[in-house]
Amino acid sequence: MTDDVCAVPECGQPAARHLAVPEARRVFDKLPEKGRSAPLCKAHYKEWKKATKKDRTLERLGRR
C-alpha cells in the first residue's frame, strides 16, 4: 500500500481504503477538491459504512 493519509481534515491517520470522492462526500462534506479517489483511514471508512448502509442496501436491491 502507498503512504497515503486520510483525506478527512485534521485526521492524519494512514489510509486503509480509497473511495470515489462523490461517495465519500455523502458523509464527509469538507474533503479537499483534489483527485478522483479519497483515501480514508480505518475509523473514517467504518463511519462512512455505517452512515450509508441503508442507501447502499436499497441501491443493491434496485429500490432506490
Protein backbone atom coordinates (compact mmCIF):
# COMPACT_ATOMS: atom_id res chain seq x y z
CA MET A 1 0.00 0.00 0.00
CA THR A 2 1.15 3.56 -0.58
CA ASP A 3 1.91 6.21 2.03
CA ASP A 4 -1.49 7.92 1.70
CA VAL A 5 -3.07 9.62 4.68
CA CYS A 6 -6.76 10.05 5.43
CA ALA A 7 -8.42 12.83 3.40
CA VAL A 8 -10.63 13.95 6.28
CA PRO A 9 -9.23 17.27 7.55
CA GLU A 10 -7.22 17.08 10.79
CA CYS A 11 -7.12 13.26 10.81
CA GLY A 12 -3.65 12.33 9.52
CA GLN A 13 -4.02 8.56 10.07
CA PRO A 14 -2.72 6.16 7.38
CA ALA A 15 -5.28 5.33 4.69
CA ALA A 16 -6.87 1.90 4.79
CA ARG A 17 -9.34 2.27 1.89
CA HIS A 18 -9.97 4.56 -1.08
CA LEU A 19 -13.43 5.71 -2.13
CA ALA A 20 -14.62 7.77 -5.05
CA VAL A 21 -14.79 11.42 -3.97
CA PRO A 22 -18.58 11.76 -4.59
CA GLU A 23 -19.22 8.66 -2.46
CA ALA A 24 -17.06 9.95 0.38
CA ARG A 25 -18.72 13.39 0.23
CA ARG A 26 -22.07 11.80 1.07
CA VAL A 27 -20.78 11.67 4.66
CA PHE A 28 -17.71 13.95 4.82
CA ASP A 29 -18.55 17.39 3.39
CA LYS A 30 -15.15 19.02 3.91
CA LEU A 31 -12.96 16.78 1.76
CA PRO A 32 -10.33 18.51 -0.36
CA GLU A 33 -11.06 19.09 -4.06
CA LYS A 34 -8.14 17.06 -5.41
CA GLY A 35 -8.07 13.75 -7.23
CA ARG A 36 -10.75 11.22 -8.06
CA SER A 37 -10.36 9.00 -5.02
CA ALA A 38 -10.46 9.88 -1.36
CA PRO A 39 -8.22 7.86 0.96
CA LEU A 40 -9.87 7.10 4.30
CA CYS A 41 -8.42 5.66 7.50
CA LYS A 42 -10.00 2.62 9.10
CA ALA A 43 -12.11 4.65 11.55
CA HIS A 44 -13.49 7.05 8.91
CA TYR A 45 -14.19 4.19 6.49
CA LYS A 46 -16.19 2.48 9.25
CA GLU A 47 -18.07 5.74 9.87
CA TRP A 48 -18.85 6.03 6.13
CA LYS A 49 -20.08 2.42 6.04
CA LYS A 50 -22.44 2.97 8.97
CA ALA A 51 -23.79 6.25 7.60
CA THR A 52 -24.53 4.86 4.12
CA LYS A 53 -25.65 1.32 4.99
CA LYS A 54 -29.35 1.85 4.27
CA ASP A 55 -28.71 3.65 0.96
CA ARG A 56 -26.24 1.01 -0.22
CA THR A 57 -28.65 -1.80 0.67
CA LEU A 58 -31.53 -0.17 -1.23
CA GLU A 59 -29.25 0.51 -4.19
CA ARG A 60 -28.16 -3.11 -4.28
CA LEU A 61 -31.80 -4.27 -4.19
CA GLY A 62 -32.72 -1.88 -7.01
CA ARG A 63 -35.23 0.05 -4.95
CA ARG A 64 -33.69 3.45 -4.91
